[in-house]
Structures are given as structure tokens and as C-alpha cells.
Amino acid sequence: MVAEVTVQELKQRRDAQSTPLVIDVREAWELEIAALPGVVHMPMNDVPQRLSELDRNAETWVLCRSGGRSMKVAQYLESQGFQQVANLAGGILAWSAEIDPNVKQY
């Protein structure tokens, strides 16, 4: 079962400079509206072809708009042998609402 983490946890980890690998699985047009710096952009449909770019042993958190697509990708990664994968609950919308209101909601 895929773990879920909160945007508060991500902010704490960023503040402590111990951020896991964060994969944003949204489409490019979505990132033009709202994005977090320092994340890896890998659209959901590209993930299977790009698995070789990822370390199965690295702590990996997956992000999307609200948490649905990222949960599917996190489940897929877990099925592919990723040991430390988590879904960012609420996605970029939660980040905007709870952490940084300058990040646009859409």
C-alpha cells in the first residue's frame, strides 16, 4: 500500500534540506500555470518509458494537481519495485492552499 504524505511534510523536508525526489506527473501546460521548483517533471504517460531514469532505492514522492494521478503513478512505481514511494496528498492545490498562496490554483 502506497503511503501518503502531506504538503506540510514536504515543506518541512525542504526547509531541512532533506527533500526526497519529487516527481511531478502533470502535463507541461499545467506546470506553466503552477509549479514547484526543484521537482522532476515526468508526465504520467511517460513514466513507464522513463523508469530507467529513476532510482528504485531512492525516497520518491509523486505530485499532481490534487492527488489522483500521482497515487496511480505511485502505485505503479511500487509495483515496479520502488521501495520508498509516497503520494503527495492534495497535490499542487494543497500546496497552494496550505503553504504558498502565490502558487496559482486551476
PDB file of N, CA and C in Angstrom:
ATOM      1  N   MET A   1       0.834  -1.193   0.000  1.00  0.00           N
ATOM      2  CA  MET A   1       0.000   0.000   0.000  1.00  0.00           C
ATOM      3  C   MET A   1       0.877   1.255   0.000  1.00  0.00           C
ATOM      4  N   VAL A   2       0.536   2.176  -0.871  1.00  0.00           N
ATOM      5  CA  VAL A   2       1.320   3.396  -1.017  1.00  0.00           C
ATOM      6  C   VAL A   2       1.045   4.350   0.143  1.00  0.00           C
ATOM      7  N   ALA A   3       2.113   4.864   0.703  1.00  0.00           N
ATOM      8  CA  ALA A   3       1.993   5.853   1.778  1.00  0.00           C
ATOM      9  C   ALA A   3       1.552   7.188   1.196  1.00  0.00           C
ATOM     10  N   GLU A   4       0.923   7.999   2.036  1.00  0.00           N
ATOM     11  CA  GLU A   4       0.592   9.357   1.642  1.00  0.00           C
ATOM     12  C   GLU A   4       1.321  10.311   2.579  1.00  0.00           C
ATOM     13  N   VAL A   5       1.825  11.388   1.996  1.00  0.00           N
ATOM     14  CA  VAL A   5       2.498  12.427   2.769  1.00  0.00           C
ATOM     15  C   VAL A   5       1.766  13.739   2.518  1.00  0.00           C
ATOM     16  N   THR A   6       1.922  14.659   3.440  1.00  0.00           N
ATOM     17  CA  THR A   6       1.237  15.942   3.324  1.00  0.00           C
ATOM     18  C   THR A   6       2.164  17.014   2.769  1.00  0.00           C
ATOM     19  N   VAL A   7       1.541  18.105   2.340  1.00  0.00           N
ATOM     20  CA  VAL A   7       2.352  19.229   1.867  1.00  0.00           C
ATOM     21  C   VAL A   7       3.152  19.835   3.011  1.00  0.00           C
ATOM     22  N   GLN A   8       2.628  19.751   4.244  1.00  0.00           N
ATOM     23  CA  GLN A   8       3.397  20.236   5.400  1.00  0.00           C
ATOM     24  C   GLN A   8       4.681  19.415   5.567  1.00  0.00           C
ATOM     25  N   GLU A   9       4.581  18.100   5.357  1.00  0.00           N
ATOM     26  CA  GLU A   9       5.776  17.251   5.448  1.00  0.00           C
ATOM     27  C   GLU A   9       6.782  17.625   4.366  1.00  0.00           C
ATOM     28  N   LEU A  10       6.296  17.876   3.154  1.00  0.00           N
ATOM     29  CA  LEU A  10       7.203  18.276   2.081  1.00  0.00           C
ATOM     30  C   LEU A  10       7.878  19.594   2.422  1.00  0.00           C
ATOM     31  N   LYS A  11       7.128  20.563   2.919  1.00  0.00           N
ATOM     32  CA  LYS A  11       7.725  21.844   3.295  1.00  0.00           C
ATOM     33  C   LYS A  11       8.779  21.651   4.388  1.00  0.00           C
ATOM     34  N   GLN A  12       8.475  20.854   5.404  1.00  0.00           N
ATOM     35  CA  GLN A  12       9.451  20.590   6.474  1.00  0.00           C
ATOM     36  C   GLN A  12      10.716  19.968   5.911  1.00  0.00           C
ATOM     37  N   ARG A  13      10.562  19.008   5.012  1.00  0.00           N
ATOM     38  CA  ARG A  13      11.734  18.355   4.424  1.00  0.00           C
ATOM     39  C   ARG A  13      12.535  19.344   3.572  1.00  0.00           C
ATOM     40  N   ARG A  14      11.853  20.179   2.829  1.00  0.00           N
ATOM     41  CA  ARG A  14      12.552  21.191   2.028  1.00  0.00           C
ATOM     42  C   ARG A  14      13.299  22.165   2.927  1.00  0.00           C
ATOM     43  N   ASP A  15      12.629  22.617   3.998  1.00  0.00           N
ATOM     44  CA  ASP A  15      13.267  23.544   4.931  1.00  0.00           C
ATOM     45  C   ASP A  15      14.508  22.924   5.571  1.00  0.00           C
ATOM     46  N   ALA A  16      14.466  21.615   5.804  1.00  0.00           N
ATOM     47  CA  ALA A  16      15.598  20.906   6.415  1.00  0.00           C
ATOM     48  C   ALA A  16      16.620  20.452   5.370  1.00  0.00           C
ATOM     49  N   GLN A  17      16.358  20.773   4.119  1.00  0.00           N
ATOM     50  CA  GLN A  17      17.222  20.390   3.003  1.00  0.00           C
ATOM     51  C   GLN A  17      17.436  18.881   2.939  1.00  0.00           C
ATOM     52  N   SER A  18      16.380  18.136   3.222  1.00  0.00           N
ATOM     53  CA  SER A  18      16.443  16.671   3.088  1.00  0.00           C
ATOM     54  C   SER A  18      15.264  16.198   2.241  1.00  0.00           C
ATOM     55  N   THR A  19      15.075  16.909   1.134  1.00  0.00           N
ATOM     56  CA  THR A  19      13.943  16.639   0.257  1.00  0.00           C
ATOM     57  C   THR A  19      14.133  15.337  -0.508  1.00  0.00           C
ATOM     58  N   PRO A  20      13.100  14.498  -0.527  1.00  0.00           N
ATOM     59  CA  PRO A  20      13.159  13.310  -1.373  1.00  0.00           C
ATOM     60  C   PRO A  20      13.055  13.725  -2.845  1.00  0.00           C
ATOM     61  N   LEU A  21      13.257  12.791  -3.737  1.00  0.00           N
ATOM     62  CA  LEU A  21      12.999  13.041  -5.145  1.00  0.00           C
ATOM     63  C   LEU A  21      11.499  13.248  -5.283  1.00  0.00           C
ATOM     64  N   VAL A  22      11.093  14.378  -5.856  1.00  0.00           N
ATOM     65  CA  VAL A  22       9.677  14.649  -6.093  1.00  0.00           C
ATOM     66  C   VAL A  22       9.451  14.643  -7.598  1.00  0.00           C
ATOM     67  N   ILE A  23       8.535  13.782  -8.030  1.00  0.00           N
ATOM     68  CA  ILE A  23       8.191  13.675  -9.448  1.00  0.00           C
ATOM     69  C   ILE A  23       6.825  14.315  -9.649  1.00  0.00           C
ATOM     70  N   ASP A  24       6.767  15.303 -10.533  1.00  0.00           N
ATOM     71  CA  ASP A  24       5.507  15.953 -10.884  1.00  0.00           C
ATOM     72  C   ASP A  24       4.999  15.292 -12.157  1.00  0.00           C
ATOM     73  N   VAL A  25       3.849  14.615 -12.071  1.00  0.00           N
ATOM     74  CA  VAL A  25       3.346  13.833 -13.199  1.00  0.00           C
ATOM     75  C   VAL A  25       2.291  14.577 -14.018  1.00  0.00           C
ATOM     76  N   ARG A  26       2.160  15.890 -13.785  1.00  0.00           N
ATOM     77  CA  ARG A  26       1.214  16.682 -14.558  1.00  0.00           C
ATOM     78  C   ARG A  26       1.762  16.973 -15.956  1.00  0.00           C
ATOM     79  N   GLU A  27       0.891  17.459 -16.811  1.00  0.00           N
ATOM     80  CA  GLU A  27       1.268  17.815 -18.175  1.00  0.00           C
ATOM     81  C   GLU A  27       2.010  19.152 -18.177  1.00  0.00           C
ATOM     82  N   ALA A  28       2.752  19.403 -19.251  1.00  0.00           N
ATOM     83  CA  ALA A  28       3.561  20.627 -19.350  1.00  0.00           C
ATOM     84  C   ALA A  28       2.707  21.883 -19.221  1.00  0.00           C
ATOM     85  N   TRP A  29       1.523  21.892 -19.801  1.00  0.00           N
ATOM     86  CA  TRP A  29       0.671  23.091 -19.720  1.00  0.00           C
ATOM     87  C   TRP A  29       0.271  23.381 -18.273  1.00  0.00           C
ATOM     88  N   GLU A  30       0.165  22.343 -17.458  1.00  0.00           N
ATOM     89  CA  GLU A  30      -0.189  22.537 -16.053  1.00  0.00           C
ATOM     90  C   GLU A  30       0.963  23.185 -15.282  1.00  0.00           C
ATOM     91  N   LEU A  31       2.184  22.790 -15.618  1.00  0.00           N
ATOM     92  CA  LEU A  31       3.339  23.377 -14.959  1.00  0.00           C
ATOM     93  C   LEU A  31       3.493  24.855 -15.305  1.00  0.00           C
ATOM     94  N   GLU A  32       3.017  25.252 -16.483  1.00  0.00           N
ATOM     95  CA  GLU A  32       3.069  26.665 -16.859  1.00  0.00           C
ATOM     96  C   GLU A  32       2.167  27.503 -15.955  1.00  0.00           C
ATOM     97  N   ILE A  33       1.124  26.886 -15.403  1.00  0.00           N
ATOM     98  CA  ILE A  33       0.196  27.594 -14.516  1.00  0.00           C
ATOM     99  C   ILE A  33       0.720  27.600 -13.086  1.00  0.00           C
ATOM    100  N   ALA A  34       1.150  26.436 -12.618  1.00  0.00           N
ATOM    101  CA  ALA A  34       1.574  26.294 -11.220  1.00  0.00           C
ATOM    102  C   ALA A  34       2.636  25.215 -11.130  1.00  0.00           C
ATOM    103  N   ALA A  35       3.769  25.558 -10.533  1.00  0.00           N
ATOM    104  CA  ALA A  35       4.853  24.583 -10.425  1.00  0.00           C
ATOM    105  C   ALA A  35       5.634  24.790  -9.136  1.00  0.00           C
ATOM    106  N   LEU A  36       6.269  23.722  -8.696  1.00  0.00           N
ATOM    107  CA  LEU A  36       7.192  23.785  -7.564  1.00  0.00           C
ATOM    108  C   LEU A  36       8.603  23.684  -8.117  1.00  0.00           C
ATOM    109  N   PRO A  37       9.512  24.517  -7.653  1.00  0.00           N
ATOM    110  CA  PRO A  37      10.897  24.402  -8.110  1.00  0.00           C
ATOM    111  C   PRO A  37      11.545  23.135  -7.556  1.00  0.00           C
ATOM    112  N   GLY A  38      12.499  22.624  -8.302  1.00  0.00           N
ATOM    113  CA  GLY A  38      13.308  21.510  -7.817  1.00  0.00           C
ATOM    114  C   GLY A  38      12.673  20.141  -7.919  1.00  0.00           C
ATOM    115  N   VAL A  39      11.600  20.025  -8.697  1.00  0.00           N
ATOM    116  CA  VAL A  39      10.980  18.720  -8.882  1.00  0.00           C
ATOM    117  C   VAL A  39      11.304  18.204 -10.282  1.00  0.00           C
ATOM    118  N   VAL A  40      11.155  16.911 -10.478  1.00  0.00           N
ATOM    119  CA  VAL A  40      11.384  16.296 -11.783  1.00  0.00           C
ATOM    120  C   VAL A  40      10.050  16.216 -12.500  1.00  0.00           C
ATOM    121  N   HIS A  41       9.980  16.812 -13.680  1.00  0.00           N
ATOM    122  CA  HIS A  41       8.747  16.733 -14.457  1.00  0.00           C
ATOM    123  C   HIS A  41       8.774  15.461 -15.302  1.00  0.00           C
ATOM    124  N   MET A  42       7.789  14.606 -15.092  1.00  0.00           N
ATOM    125  CA  MET A  42       7.668  13.366 -15.832  1.00  0.00           C
ATOM    126  C   MET A  42       6.169  13.088 -16.001  1.00  0.00           C
ATOM    127  N   PRO A  43       5.580  13.547 -17.121  1.00  0.00           N
ATOM    128  CA  PRO A  43       4.146  13.341 -17.298  1.00  0.00           C
ATOM    129  C   PRO A  43       3.744  11.877 -17.080  1.00  0.00           C
ATOM    130  N   MET A  44       2.572  11.710 -16.508  1.00  0.00           N
ATOM    131  CA  MET A  44       2.083  10.391 -16.127  1.00  0.00           C
ATOM    132  C   MET A  44       2.278   9.340 -17.225  1.00  0.00           C
ATOM    133  N   ASN A  45       1.916   9.680 -18.446  1.00  0.00           N
ATOM    134  CA  ASN A  45       2.000   8.701 -19.533  1.00  0.00           C
ATOM    135  C   ASN A  45       3.426   8.375 -19.945  1.00  0.00           C
ATOM    136  N   ASP A  46       4.386   9.190 -19.532  1.00  0.00           N
ATOM    137  CA  ASP A  46       5.794   8.952 -19.878  1.00  0.00           C
ATOM    138  C   ASP A  46       6.511   8.071 -18.853  1.00  0.00           C
ATOM    139  N   VAL A  47       5.928   7.901 -17.684  1.00  0.00           N
ATOM    140  CA  VAL A  47       6.614   7.205 -16.598  1.00  0.00           C
ATOM    141  C   VAL A  47       7.094   5.806 -16.991  1.00  0.00           C
ATOM    142  N   PRO A  48       6.268   4.944 -17.610  1.00  0.00           N
ATOM    143  CA  PRO A  48       6.767   3.595 -17.938  1.00  0.00           C
ATOM    144  C   PRO A  48       8.006   3.601 -18.829  1.00  0.00           C
ATOM    145  N   GLN A  49       8.067   4.515 -19.787  1.00  0.00           N
ATOM    146  CA  GLN A  49       9.219   4.583 -20.692  1.00  0.00           C
ATOM    147  C   GLN A  49      10.441   5.226 -20.046  1.00  0.00           C
ATOM    148  N   ARG A  50      10.238   5.934 -18.949  1.00  0.00           N
ATOM    149  CA  ARG A  50      11.344   6.665 -18.319  1.00  0.00           C
ATOM    150  C   ARG A  50      11.783   6.074 -16.984  1.00  0.00           C
ATOM    151  N   LEU A  51      11.320   4.866 -16.672  1.00  0.00           N
ATOM    152  CA  LEU A  51      11.674   4.242 -15.397  1.00  0.00           C
ATOM    153  C   LEU A  51      13.175   4.160 -15.179  1.00  0.00           C
ATOM    154  N   SER A  52      13.924   3.954 -16.249  1.00  0.00           N
ATOM    155  CA  SER A  52      15.378   3.804 -16.114  1.00  0.00           C
ATOM    156  C   SER A  52      16.044   5.080 -15.591  1.00  0.00           C
ATOM    157  N   GLU A  53      15.355   6.210 -15.646  1.00  0.00           N
ATOM    158  CA  GLU A  53      15.903   7.472 -15.136  1.00  0.00           C
ATOM    159  C   GLU A  53      15.788   7.573 -13.621  1.00  0.00           C
ATOM    160  N   LEU A  54      15.030   6.660 -13.010  1.00  0.00           N
ATOM    161  CA  LEU A  54      14.742   6.743 -11.578  1.00  0.00           C
ATOM    162  C   LEU A  54      15.470   5.658 -10.807  1.00  0.00           C
ATOM    163  N   ASP A  55      15.825   5.970  -9.575  1.00  0.00           N
ATOM    164  CA  ASP A  55      16.491   5.038  -8.676  1.00  0.00           C
ATOM    165  C   ASP A  55      15.430   4.349  -7.812  1.00  0.00           C
ATOM    166  N   ARG A  56      15.299   3.035  -7.971  1.00  0.00           N
ATOM    167  CA  ARG A  56      14.284   2.284  -7.224  1.00  0.00           C
ATOM    168  C   ARG A  56      14.505   2.332  -5.710  1.00  0.00           C
ATOM    169  N   ASN A  57      15.707   2.665  -5.279  1.00  0.00           N
ATOM    170  CA  ASN A  57      16.012   2.711  -3.849  1.00  0.00           C
ATOM    171  C   ASN A  57      15.894   4.107  -3.242  1.00  0.00           C
ATOM    172  N   ALA A  58      15.694   5.115  -4.085  1.00  0.00           N
ATOM    173  CA  ALA A  58      15.603   6.487  -3.591  1.00  0.00           C
ATOM    174  C   ALA A  58      14.210   6.762  -3.032  1.00  0.00           C
ATOM    175  N   GLU A  59      14.162   7.582  -1.997  1.00  0.00           N
ATOM    176  CA  GLU A  59      12.874   8.036  -1.485  1.00  0.00           C
ATOM    177  C   GLU A  59      12.240   8.904  -2.567  1.00  0.00           C
ATOM    178  N   THR A  60      11.041   8.528  -3.002  1.00  0.00           N
ATOM    179  CA  THR A  60      10.394   9.167  -4.137  1.00  0.00           C
ATOM    180  C   THR A  60       8.965   9.537  -3.779  1.00  0.00           C
ATOM    181  N   TRP A  61       8.643  10.823  -3.932  1.00  0.00           N
ATOM    182  CA  TRP A  61       7.288  11.306  -3.693  1.00  0.00           C
ATOM    183  C   TRP A  61       6.720  11.772  -5.023  1.00  0.00           C
ATOM    184  N   VAL A  62       5.441  11.479  -5.244  1.00  0.00           N
ATOM    185  CA  VAL A  62       4.807  11.792  -6.525  1.00  0.00           C
ATOM    186  C   VAL A  62       3.738  12.866  -6.318  1.00  0.00           C
ATOM    187  N   LEU A  63       3.709  13.832  -7.227  1.00  0.00           N
ATOM    188  CA  LEU A  63       2.866  15.019  -7.139  1.00  0.00           C
ATOM    189  C   LEU A  63       2.043  15.180  -8.409  1.00  0.00           C
ATOM    190  N   CYS A  64       0.782  15.601  -8.259  1.00  0.00           N
ATOM    191  CA  CYS A  64      -0.032  16.019  -9.398  1.00  0.00           C
ATOM    192  C   CYS A  64      -0.890  17.204  -8.967  1.00  0.00           C
ATOM    193  N   ARG A  65      -2.020  17.413  -9.606  1.00  0.00           N
ATOM    194  CA  ARG A  65      -2.870  18.558  -9.266  1.00  0.00           C
ATOM    195  C   ARG A  65      -3.545  18.365  -7.914  1.00  0.00           C
ATOM    196  N   SER A  66      -4.190  17.207  -7.725  1.00  0.00           N
ATOM    197  CA  SER A  66      -4.951  17.006  -6.487  1.00  0.00           C
ATOM    198  C   SER A  66      -4.679  15.680  -5.786  1.00  0.00           C
ATOM    199  N   GLY A  67      -3.902  14.811  -6.388  1.00  0.00           N
ATOM    200  CA  GLY A  67      -3.517  13.569  -5.723  1.00  0.00           C
ATOM    201  C   GLY A  67      -3.974  12.292  -6.400  1.00  0.00           C
ATOM    202  N   GLY A  68      -4.864  12.372  -7.371  1.00  0.00           N
ATOM    203  CA  GLY A  68      -5.372  11.173  -8.037  1.00  0.00           C
ATOM    204  C   GLY A  68      -4.382  10.540  -8.992  1.00  0.00           C
ATOM    205  N   ARG A  69      -3.869  11.321  -9.925  1.00  0.00           N
ATOM    206  CA  ARG A  69      -2.889  10.782 -10.881  1.00  0.00           C
ATOM    207  C   ARG A  69      -1.613  10.356 -10.173  1.00  0.00           C
ATOM    208  N   SER A  70      -1.198  11.153  -9.216  1.00  0.00           N
ATOM    209  CA  SER A  70       0.046  10.816  -8.517  1.00  0.00           C
ATOM    210  C   SER A  70      -0.099   9.517  -7.724  1.00  0.00           C
ATOM    211  N   MET A  71      -1.274   9.240  -7.192  1.00  0.00           N
ATOM    212  CA  MET A  71      -1.476   7.978  -6.486  1.00  0.00           C
ATOM    213  C   MET A  71      -1.362   6.813  -7.455  1.00  0.00           C
ATOM    214  N   LYS A  72      -1.922   6.946  -8.640  1.00  0.00           N
ATOM    215  CA  LYS A  72      -1.819   5.874  -9.647  1.00  0.00           C
ATOM    216  C   LYS A  72      -0.361   5.638 -10.026  1.00  0.00           C
ATOM    217  N   VAL A  73       0.390   6.724 -10.216  1.00  0.00           N
ATOM    218  CA  VAL A  73       1.808   6.586 -10.569  1.00  0.00           C
ATOM    219  C   VAL A  73       2.581   5.981  -9.398  1.00  0.00           C
ATOM    220  N   ALA A  74       2.295   6.415  -8.188  1.00  0.00           N
ATOM    221  CA  ALA A  74       2.982   5.860  -7.015  1.00  0.00           C
ATOM    222  C   ALA A  74       2.708   4.364  -6.896  1.00  0.00           C
ATOM    223  N   GLN A  75       1.468   3.955  -7.132  1.00  0.00           N
ATOM    224  CA  GLN A  75       1.134   2.528  -7.097  1.00  0.00           C
ATOM    225  C   GLN A  75       1.891   1.774  -8.187  1.00  0.00           C
ATOM    226  N   TYR A  76       1.986   2.376  -9.356  1.00  0.00           N
ATOM    227  CA  TYR A  76       2.739   1.756 -10.444  1.00  0.00           C
ATOM    228  C   TYR A  76       4.215   1.610 -10.062  1.00  0.00           C
ATOM    229  N   LEU A  77       4.800   2.680  -9.527  1.00  0.00           N
ATOM    230  CA  LEU A  77       6.208   2.616  -9.126  1.00  0.00           C
ATOM    231  C   LEU A  77       6.422   1.526  -8.082  1.00  0.00           C
ATOM    232  N   GLU A  78       5.520   1.446  -7.118  1.00  0.00           N
ATOM    233  CA  GLU A  78       5.624   0.408  -6.097  1.00  0.00           C
ATOM    234  C   GLU A  78       5.571  -0.982  -6.734  1.00  0.00           C
ATOM    235  N   SER A  79       4.716  -1.158  -7.723  1.00  0.00           N
ATOM    236  CA  SER A  79       4.612  -2.458  -8.410  1.00  0.00           C
ATOM    237  C   SER A  79       5.868  -2.781  -9.207  1.00  0.00           C
ATOM    238  N   GLN A  80       6.667  -1.747  -9.504  1.00  0.00           N
ATOM    239  CA  GLN A  80       7.908  -1.926 -10.251  1.00  0.00           C
ATOM    240  C   GLN A  80       9.133  -2.040  -9.340  1.00  0.00           C
ATOM    241  N   GLY A  81       8.892  -2.204  -8.058  1.00  0.00           N
ATOM    242  CA  GLY A  81       9.988  -2.453  -7.128  1.00  0.00           C
ATOM    243  C   GLY A  81      10.515  -1.247  -6.388  1.00  0.00           C
ATOM    244  N   PHE A  82       9.863  -0.096  -6.509  1.00  0.00           N
ATOM    245  CA  PHE A  82      10.291   1.071  -5.751  1.00  0.00           C
ATOM    246  C   PHE A  82       9.918   0.848  -4.294  1.00  0.00           C
ATOM    247  N   GLN A  83      10.884   0.997  -3.408  1.00  0.00           N
ATOM    248  CA  GLN A  83      10.699   0.653  -2.005  1.00  0.00           C
ATOM    249  C   GLN A  83      10.201   1.804  -1.143  1.00  0.00           C
ATOM    250  N   GLN A  84      10.512   3.038  -1.514  1.00  0.00           N
ATOM    251  CA  GLN A  84      10.204   4.202  -0.671  1.00  0.00           C
ATOM    252  C   GLN A  84       9.418   5.231  -1.465  1.00  0.00           C
ATOM    253  N   VAL A  85       8.242   4.854  -1.920  1.00  0.00           N
ATOM    254  CA  VAL A  85       7.433   5.751  -2.737  1.00  0.00           C
ATOM    255  C   VAL A  85       6.221   6.219  -1.938  1.00  0.00           C
ATOM    256  N   ALA A  86       5.851   7.477  -2.151  1.00  0.00           N
ATOM    257  CA  ALA A  86       4.693   8.050  -1.461  1.00  0.00           C
ATOM    258  C   ALA A  86       3.961   9.010  -2.390  1.00  0.00           C
ATOM    259  N   ASN A  87       2.687   9.170  -2.118  1.00  0.00           N
ATOM    260  CA  ASN A  87       1.842  10.109  -2.845  1.00  0.00           C
ATOM    261  C   ASN A  87       1.714  11.394  -2.031  1.00  0.00           C
ATOM    262  N   LEU A  88       1.841  12.540  -2.704  1.00  0.00           N
ATOM    263  CA  LEU A  88       1.656  13.817  -2.033  1.00  0.00           C
ATOM    264  C   LEU A  88       0.160  14.126  -2.021  1.00  0.00           C
ATOM    265  N   ALA A  89      -0.464  13.944  -0.872  1.00  0.00           N
ATOM    266  CA  ALA A  89      -1.912  14.122  -0.728  1.00  0.00           C
ATOM    267  C   ALA A  89      -2.312  15.560  -1.053  1.00  0.00           C
ATOM    268  N   GLY A  90      -3.324  15.707  -1.875  1.00  0.00           N
ATOM    269  CA  GLY A  90      -3.831  17.040  -2.213  1.00  0.00           C
ATOM    270  C   GLY A  90      -3.088  17.754  -3.315  1.00  0.00           C
ATOM    271  N   GLY A  91      -1.902  17.274  -3.680  1.00  0.00           N
ATOM    272  CA  GLY A  91      -1.141  17.815  -4.790  1.00  0.00           C
ATOM    273  C   GLY A  91      -0.844  19.302  -4.723  1.00  0.00           C
ATOM    274  N   ILE A  92      -0.708  19.895  -5.907  1.00  0.00           N
ATOM    275  CA  ILE A  92      -0.342  21.307  -6.004  1.00  0.00           C
ATOM    276  C   ILE A  92      -1.450  22.195  -5.440  1.00  0.00           C
ATOM    277  N   LEU A  93      -2.703  21.716  -5.475  1.00  0.00           N
ATOM    278  CA  LEU A  93      -3.799  22.500  -4.895  1.00  0.00           C
ATOM    279  C   LEU A  93      -3.620  22.646  -3.388  1.00  0.00           C
ATOM    280  N   ALA A  94      -3.222  21.566  -2.720  1.00  0.00           N
ATOM    281  CA  ALA A  94      -2.973  21.634  -1.271  1.00  0.00           C
ATOM    282  C   ALA A  94      -1.771  22.524  -0.981  1.00  0.00           C
ATOM    283  N   TRP A  95      -0.733  22.446  -1.819  1.00  0.00           N
ATOM    284  CA  TRP A  95       0.440  23.304  -1.632  1.00  0.00           C
ATOM    285  C   TRP A  95       0.017  24.770  -1.687  1.00  0.00           C
ATOM    286  N   SER A  96      -0.786  25.110  -2.680  1.00  0.00           N
ATOM    287  CA  SER A  96      -1.265  26.484  -2.829  1.00  0.00           C
ATOM    288  C   SER A  96      -2.122  26.910  -1.644  1.00  0.00           C
ATOM    289  N   ALA A  97      -3.021  26.033  -1.210  1.00  0.00           N
ATOM    290  CA  ALA A  97      -3.949  26.380  -0.134  1.00  0.00           C
ATOM    291  C   ALA A  97      -3.283  26.439   1.236  1.00  0.00           C
ATOM    292  N   GLU A  98      -2.301  25.579   1.468  1.00  0.00           N
ATOM    293  CA  GLU A  98      -1.750  25.440   2.813  1.00  0.00           C
ATOM    294  C   GLU A  98      -0.339  25.998   2.996  1.00  0.00           C
ATOM    295  N   ILE A  99       0.416  26.100   1.915  1.00  0.00           N
ATOM    296  CA  ILE A  99       1.823  26.505   2.045  1.00  0.00           C
ATOM    297  C   ILE A  99       2.123  27.824   1.343  1.00  0.00           C
ATOM    298  N   ASP A 100       1.778  27.924   0.070  1.00  0.00           N
ATOM    299  CA  ASP A 100       2.169  29.098  -0.712  1.00  0.00           C
ATOM    300  C   ASP A 100       1.016  29.578  -1.585  1.00  0.00           C
ATOM    301  N   PRO A 101       0.266  30.585  -1.124  1.00  0.00           N
ATOM    302  CA  PRO A 101      -0.864  31.073  -1.905  1.00  0.00           C
ATOM    303  C   PRO A 101      -0.461  31.765  -3.210  1.00  0.00           C
ATOM    304  N   ASN A 102       0.834  31.993  -3.406  1.00  0.00           N
ATOM    305  CA  ASN A 102       1.294  32.556  -4.664  1.00  0.00           C
ATOM    306  C   ASN A 102       1.287  31.530  -5.795  1.00  0.00           C
ATOM    307  N   VAL A 103       1.211  30.254  -5.452  1.00  0.00           N
ATOM    308  CA  VAL A 103       1.085  29.203  -6.456  1.00  0.00           C
ATOM    309  C   VAL A 103      -0.377  29.188  -6.883  1.00  0.00           C
ATOM    310  N   LYS A 104      -0.614  29.399  -8.162  1.00  0.00           N
ATOM    311  CA  LYS A 104      -1.977  29.512  -8.671  1.00  0.00           C
ATOM    312  C   LYS A 104      -2.727  28.185  -8.578  1.00  0.00           C
ATOM    313  N   GLN A 105      -4.017  28.297  -8.314  1.00  0.00           N
ATOM    314  CA  GLN A 105      -4.900  27.128  -8.374  1.00  0.00           C
ATOM    315  C   GLN A 105      -5.573  27.140  -9.746  1.00  0.00           C
ATOM    316  N   TYR A 106      -5.847  25.961 -10.241  1.00  0.00           N
ATOM    317  CA  TYR A 106      -6.528  25.853 -11.538  1.00  0.00           C
ATOM    318  C   TYR A 106      -7.417  24.647 -11.540  1.00  0.00           C
TER     319      TYR A 106
END
